[in-house]
N, C-alpha and C. Protein backbone atom coordinates (compact mmCIF):
# COMPACT_ATOMS: atom_id res chain seq x y z
N MET A 1 65.77 -53.45 83.91
CA MET A 1 66.13 -52.98 85.16
C MET A 1 65.91 -54.17 86.25
N LYS A 2 64.78 -54.65 86.43
CA LYS A 2 64.55 -55.69 87.00
C LYS A 2 65.69 -57.00 87.16
N LYS A 3 65.94 -57.03 85.66
CA LYS A 3 66.99 -58.22 85.64
C LYS A 3 68.45 -57.82 86.52
N VAL A 4 68.77 -56.50 86.25
CA VAL A 4 70.04 -55.99 86.87
C VAL A 4 69.87 -56.18 88.47
N ILE A 5 68.93 -55.98 88.90
CA ILE A 5 68.69 -56.22 90.25
C ILE A 5 68.66 -57.17 90.85
N PHE A 6 68.28 -58.17 90.00
CA PHE A 6 68.14 -59.45 90.67
C PHE A 6 69.68 -60.03 90.53
N LEU A 7 70.24 -59.91 89.25
CA LEU A 7 71.56 -60.48 89.41
C LEU A 7 72.24 -60.20 90.47
N PHE A 8 72.25 -58.59 90.62
CA PHE A 8 73.37 -57.87 91.64
C PHE A 8 72.87 -58.66 92.99
N ALA A 9 71.65 -58.99 93.36
CA ALA A 9 71.35 -59.68 94.36
C ALA A 9 71.68 -61.00 94.59
N ALA A 10 71.93 -61.77 93.43
CA ALA A 10 72.31 -63.13 93.46
C ALA A 10 73.81 -63.26 93.69
N LEU A 11 74.36 -62.20 93.12
CA LEU A 11 75.94 -62.33 93.14
C LEU A 11 76.03 -61.72 94.51
N LEU A 12 75.60 -61.05 95.45
CA LEU A 12 75.96 -60.57 96.64
C LEU A 12 75.33 -61.96 97.60
N LEU A 13 74.44 -62.47 97.31
CA LEU A 13 74.11 -63.52 98.12
C LEU A 13 75.08 -64.74 97.83
N ALA A 14 75.44 -65.11 96.63
CA ALA A 14 76.61 -65.99 96.42
C ALA A 14 77.78 -65.56 97.21
N THR A 15 78.23 -64.38 97.06
CA THR A 15 79.70 -63.90 97.58
C THR A 15 79.34 -64.16 99.34
N THR A 16 78.40 -63.72 99.84
CA THR A 16 78.05 -63.87 101.49
C THR A 16 78.15 -65.10 101.72
N SER A 17 77.87 -66.33 101.31
CA SER A 17 77.80 -67.68 101.19
C SER A 17 79.10 -68.04 101.23
N PHE A 18 79.76 -67.77 99.96
CA PHE A 18 81.34 -68.40 100.03
C PHE A 18 81.82 -67.85 101.17
N SER A 19 81.99 -66.48 101.50
CA SER A 19 82.62 -66.05 102.76
C SER A 19 82.25 -66.78 104.02
N GLU A 20 81.17 -67.02 104.31
CA GLU A 20 81.15 -67.59 105.59
C GLU A 20 81.43 -69.30 105.34
N GLU A 21 81.61 -69.97 104.38
CA GLU A 21 81.81 -71.39 104.54
C GLU A 21 83.49 -70.95 104.67
N ASN A 22 84.18 -70.12 104.00
CA ASN A 22 85.69 -70.05 104.25
C ASN A 22 85.88 -69.76 105.53
N LYS A 23 85.01 -68.87 106.53
CA LYS A 23 85.17 -68.60 107.69
C LYS A 23 85.01 -69.98 108.41
N VAL A 24 84.36 -70.84 108.45
CA VAL A 24 84.04 -71.99 109.08
C VAL A 24 85.47 -73.00 108.88
N GLU A 25 85.75 -73.04 107.31
CA GLU A 25 86.85 -73.79 106.97
C GLU A 25 88.18 -73.27 107.71
N LYS A 26 88.30 -72.15 108.07
CA LYS A 26 89.53 -71.41 108.74
C LYS A 26 89.26 -71.78 110.29
N ALA A 27 88.38 -71.88 110.63
CA ALA A 27 88.10 -72.05 112.14
C ALA A 27 88.46 -73.55 112.27
N ASP A 28 87.94 -74.59 111.33
CA ASP A 28 88.27 -75.71 111.47
C ASP A 28 89.79 -76.14 111.78
N LYS A 29 90.34 -75.48 110.56
CA LYS A 29 91.76 -75.53 110.35
C LYS A 29 92.55 -75.11 111.91
N ALA A 30 92.08 -74.10 112.35
CA ALA A 30 92.75 -73.43 113.67
C ALA A 30 92.83 -74.56 114.90
N ASN A 31 91.48 -75.26 114.80
CA ASN A 31 91.33 -75.92 116.06
C ASN A 31 92.11 -77.41 115.68
N SER A 32 92.40 -77.93 114.33
CA SER A 32 92.87 -79.06 114.34
C SER A 32 94.43 -79.12 114.77
N ILE A 33 94.81 -80.10 114.97
CA ILE A 33 96.25 -80.31 115.54
C ILE A 33 97.15 -80.77 114.13
N ASN A 34 98.26 -80.30 114.02
CA ASN A 34 99.10 -80.61 112.87
C ASN A 34 100.35 -81.09 113.26
N VAL A 35 100.28 -82.54 113.10
CA VAL A 35 101.31 -83.39 113.81
C VAL A 35 102.43 -83.75 112.65
N LYS A 36 103.59 -84.26 112.97
CA LYS A 36 104.55 -84.57 111.87
C LYS A 36 105.15 -85.74 112.52
N PHE A 37 105.09 -86.86 111.84
CA PHE A 37 105.81 -88.17 112.26
C PHE A 37 106.99 -88.24 111.20
N SER A 38 108.01 -88.82 111.61
CA SER A 38 109.15 -89.18 110.53
C SER A 38 109.94 -90.45 111.50
N GLY A 39 110.76 -90.83 110.53
CA GLY A 39 111.57 -92.18 111.04
C GLY A 39 112.10 -92.70 109.95
N LYS A 40 112.55 -93.99 110.25
CA LYS A 40 113.55 -94.75 109.26
C LYS A 40 112.93 -96.38 109.32
N VAL A 41 112.61 -97.06 108.08
CA VAL A 41 112.55 -98.60 108.11
C VAL A 41 113.51 -99.01 107.47
N ILE A 42 113.73 -100.13 108.61
CA ILE A 42 114.89 -101.14 108.56
C ILE A 42 114.60 -102.61 108.18
N ASP A 43 115.49 -103.09 107.48
CA ASP A 43 115.31 -104.68 107.61
C ASP A 43 115.88 -105.35 108.92
N SER A 44 115.12 -106.11 109.56
CA SER A 44 115.31 -106.48 110.90
C SER A 44 116.43 -107.52 111.03
N THR A 45 116.74 -108.24 109.75
CA THR A 45 117.82 -109.24 109.57
C THR A 45 119.17 -108.75 109.68
N ASN A 46 119.22 -107.59 108.63
CA ASN A 46 120.71 -107.07 108.37
C ASN A 46 120.68 -105.66 108.49
N GLY A 47 119.74 -104.96 109.12
CA GLY A 47 120.13 -103.35 109.41
C GLY A 47 120.14 -102.63 108.45
N GLU A 48 119.82 -103.12 107.06
CA GLU A 48 119.76 -102.29 105.90
C GLU A 48 118.64 -101.45 105.81
N ALA A 49 118.90 -100.04 105.43
CA ALA A 49 117.63 -99.24 105.06
C ALA A 49 116.68 -100.05 104.02
N LEU A 50 115.38 -99.84 104.24
CA LEU A 50 114.28 -100.15 103.11
C LEU A 50 114.07 -99.03 102.27
N ALA A 51 114.11 -99.06 101.03
CA ALA A 51 113.71 -97.84 100.11
C ALA A 51 112.38 -98.47 99.70
N GLY A 52 111.29 -97.40 99.48
CA GLY A 52 110.00 -97.70 99.17
C GLY A 52 108.85 -98.03 100.07
N ALA A 53 109.27 -98.59 101.16
CA ALA A 53 108.10 -99.07 101.95
C ALA A 53 107.00 -98.20 102.24
N ALA A 54 105.94 -98.53 102.12
CA ALA A 54 104.83 -97.47 102.25
C ALA A 54 104.27 -97.48 103.82
N ILE A 55 104.09 -96.18 104.29
CA ILE A 55 103.72 -95.98 105.53
C ILE A 55 102.27 -95.38 105.38
N MET A 56 101.25 -96.01 106.06
CA MET A 56 100.03 -95.28 105.83
C MET A 56 99.30 -94.93 107.17
N VAL A 57 98.69 -94.06 107.29
CA VAL A 57 97.83 -93.54 108.91
C VAL A 57 96.51 -94.38 108.65
N GLU A 58 96.55 -95.18 109.59
CA GLU A 58 95.14 -96.10 109.50
C GLU A 58 93.71 -94.98 109.55
N GLY A 59 92.85 -95.25 108.73
CA GLY A 59 91.45 -94.58 108.84
C GLY A 59 91.65 -93.19 108.13
N SER A 60 92.70 -92.96 107.45
CA SER A 60 92.95 -91.61 106.58
C SER A 60 93.61 -92.00 105.19
N GLY A 61 93.52 -91.24 104.46
CA GLY A 61 94.25 -91.34 103.06
C GLY A 61 95.85 -90.91 103.09
N GLU A 62 96.13 -90.73 104.27
CA GLU A 62 97.60 -90.01 104.27
C GLU A 62 98.27 -91.46 104.03
N ILE A 63 99.38 -91.21 103.20
CA ILE A 63 100.25 -91.95 102.99
C ILE A 63 101.65 -91.58 102.50
N ALA A 64 102.87 -92.13 103.22
CA ALA A 64 104.33 -91.73 102.40
C ALA A 64 104.82 -93.01 102.35
N TYR A 65 106.27 -92.83 101.64
CA TYR A 65 107.16 -93.80 100.93
C TYR A 65 108.23 -93.62 101.69
N THR A 66 109.13 -94.51 101.95
CA THR A 66 110.57 -94.19 102.21
C THR A 66 111.48 -94.12 101.29
N ASP A 67 112.22 -92.84 101.62
CA ASP A 67 113.33 -92.87 100.25
C ASP A 67 114.29 -94.06 100.39
N PHE A 68 115.44 -93.69 99.51
CA PHE A 68 116.53 -94.54 99.36
C PHE A 68 117.38 -94.91 100.71
N GLU A 69 117.27 -93.83 101.55
CA GLU A 69 117.69 -94.41 102.84
C GLU A 69 117.14 -94.69 104.07
N GLY A 70 115.60 -95.01 103.45
CA GLY A 70 114.76 -95.42 104.12
C GLY A 70 114.04 -94.71 105.26
N ASN A 71 114.18 -93.37 104.82
CA ASN A 71 113.41 -92.30 105.71
C ASN A 71 112.01 -92.03 105.26
N PHE A 72 111.15 -91.85 106.07
CA PHE A 72 110.09 -91.23 105.60
C PHE A 72 109.71 -89.93 106.79
N GLU A 73 108.33 -89.20 106.23
CA GLU A 73 107.89 -87.98 107.01
C GLU A 73 106.62 -88.25 106.25
N ILE A 74 105.46 -87.92 107.32
CA ILE A 74 104.43 -87.73 107.17
C ILE A 74 103.77 -86.55 107.93
N ASN A 75 103.24 -85.50 107.04
CA ASN A 75 102.83 -84.21 107.54
C ASN A 75 101.27 -84.20 107.77
N SER A 76 100.85 -83.31 108.56
CA SER A 76 99.33 -82.83 108.71
C SER A 76 98.50 -83.99 109.26
N VAL A 77 99.09 -84.72 110.05
CA VAL A 77 98.02 -85.61 110.63
C VAL A 77 97.11 -84.77 111.77
N GLU A 78 95.79 -85.19 111.86
CA GLU A 78 94.69 -84.24 112.38
C GLU A 78 94.80 -84.70 114.00
N THR A 79 95.58 -86.01 114.50
CA THR A 79 95.19 -86.37 115.74
C THR A 79 96.94 -86.79 116.26
N SER A 80 96.89 -86.66 117.55
CA SER A 80 98.19 -86.77 118.11
C SER A 80 98.53 -88.27 118.24
N GLN A 81 97.76 -89.10 118.24
CA GLN A 81 98.17 -90.68 118.34
C GLN A 81 97.01 -91.28 117.29
N VAL A 82 98.08 -92.05 116.60
CA VAL A 82 97.80 -92.85 115.48
C VAL A 82 98.13 -94.45 115.29
N ASN A 83 97.54 -94.95 114.47
CA ASN A 83 98.11 -96.23 114.03
C ASN A 83 98.55 -96.32 112.59
N LEU A 84 99.97 -96.73 112.69
CA LEU A 84 100.56 -96.51 111.16
C LEU A 84 100.87 -98.10 110.76
N ILE A 85 100.65 -98.21 109.76
CA ILE A 85 100.88 -99.58 108.89
C ILE A 85 101.65 -99.37 107.93
N VAL A 86 102.76 -100.42 108.23
CA VAL A 86 104.17 -100.01 107.49
C VAL A 86 104.17 -101.37 106.78
N SER A 87 104.69 -101.47 105.04
CA SER A 87 104.61 -102.45 104.55
C SER A 87 105.44 -102.52 103.10
N LEU A 88 105.76 -103.58 102.79
CA LEU A 88 106.81 -103.59 101.54
C LEU A 88 106.85 -104.88 101.07
N ILE A 89 106.84 -104.99 99.73
CA ILE A 89 106.79 -106.28 99.27
C ILE A 89 107.67 -107.33 99.75
N SER A 90 107.68 -108.41 100.23
CA SER A 90 108.73 -109.44 100.47
C SER A 90 109.01 -109.33 102.11
N TYR A 91 108.02 -108.50 102.47
CA TYR A 91 108.13 -108.27 104.23
C TYR A 91 106.92 -108.37 104.79
N GLU A 92 107.10 -108.82 106.19
CA GLU A 92 105.79 -109.00 107.02
C GLU A 92 105.06 -107.45 106.89
N LYS A 93 103.86 -107.33 106.90
CA LYS A 93 103.63 -105.67 107.20
C LYS A 93 103.22 -105.93 108.64
N ILE A 94 103.50 -104.47 109.28
CA ILE A 94 103.20 -104.41 110.78
C ILE A 94 102.48 -103.44 111.14
N LYS A 95 101.71 -103.19 112.08
CA LYS A 95 100.98 -101.99 112.66
C LYS A 95 101.46 -101.66 113.58
N LEU A 96 101.65 -100.42 114.07
CA LEU A 96 102.68 -99.64 115.56
C LEU A 96 101.67 -98.35 115.60
N ASN A 97 101.56 -98.15 116.99
CA ASN A 97 100.85 -97.19 117.44
C ASN A 97 101.98 -96.04 117.72
N ALA A 98 101.81 -94.70 117.07
CA ALA A 98 102.64 -93.81 117.49
C ALA A 98 101.88 -92.42 117.86
N SER A 99 102.85 -91.82 118.66
CA SER A 99 102.01 -90.42 119.32
C SER A 99 103.11 -89.52 119.13
N THR A 100 102.69 -88.08 119.31
CA THR A 100 103.61 -87.05 119.20
C THR A 100 104.63 -87.11 120.15
N ASP A 101 104.70 -87.93 121.24
CA ASP A 101 106.02 -88.27 121.71
C ASP A 101 107.06 -89.00 121.09
N ALA A 102 106.52 -89.86 120.12
CA ALA A 102 107.51 -90.56 119.37
C ALA A 102 108.13 -90.09 117.81
N LYS A 103 109.35 -89.36 118.23
CA LYS A 103 109.92 -89.06 116.89
C LYS A 103 111.15 -89.91 116.77
N ASP A 104 111.50 -89.56 115.48
CA ASP A 104 112.44 -90.40 114.74
C ASP A 104 112.21 -91.96 115.14
N LEU A 105 110.89 -92.15 114.86
CA LEU A 105 110.89 -93.83 114.75
C LEU A 105 111.38 -94.58 113.91
N LYS A 106 111.92 -95.73 114.70
CA LYS A 106 112.67 -96.91 114.05
C LYS A 106 111.87 -98.02 113.83
N VAL A 107 111.39 -98.32 112.46
CA VAL A 107 110.49 -99.56 112.24
C VAL A 107 111.31 -100.45 111.58
N LEU A 108 111.51 -101.79 112.40
CA LEU A 108 112.23 -103.08 111.59
C LEU A 108 110.98 -103.95 111.12
N LEU A 109 111.29 -104.10 109.67
CA LEU A 109 110.41 -105.16 108.94
C LEU A 109 111.11 -106.39 108.88
N LYS A 110 110.59 -107.55 109.00
CA LYS A 110 110.93 -109.06 109.03
C LYS A 110 110.58 -109.48 107.50
N PRO A 111 111.69 -109.90 106.92
CA PRO A 111 111.33 -110.65 105.75
C PRO A 111 110.42 -111.65 106.00
N LEU A 112 109.65 -111.97 104.69
CA LEU A 112 109.01 -113.38 104.98
C LEU A 112 109.60 -114.35 104.52
């Protein structure tokens, strides 16, 4: 009987602890900013769209790649102002500052 009561108490404690962690996580998500950046990466010499360029949010693990038309989109950035690092093989890497005010970014990469 003591084992049953002990197991029940342990299960109740674990459930309560898990519930509290979820409440904190939900509160953090409610307070965070969800920002979306999008744009197009273009060759600066001929104006052609660049497919496969990497766009990385500096200081986070968030990364996106351009599609065949040079378009990209990064979702769920937690700050309204970020540094984006854009790179592609055979092109100069650039770093640009973007904010929520900057929509439809046009990124020009210069060939090496």
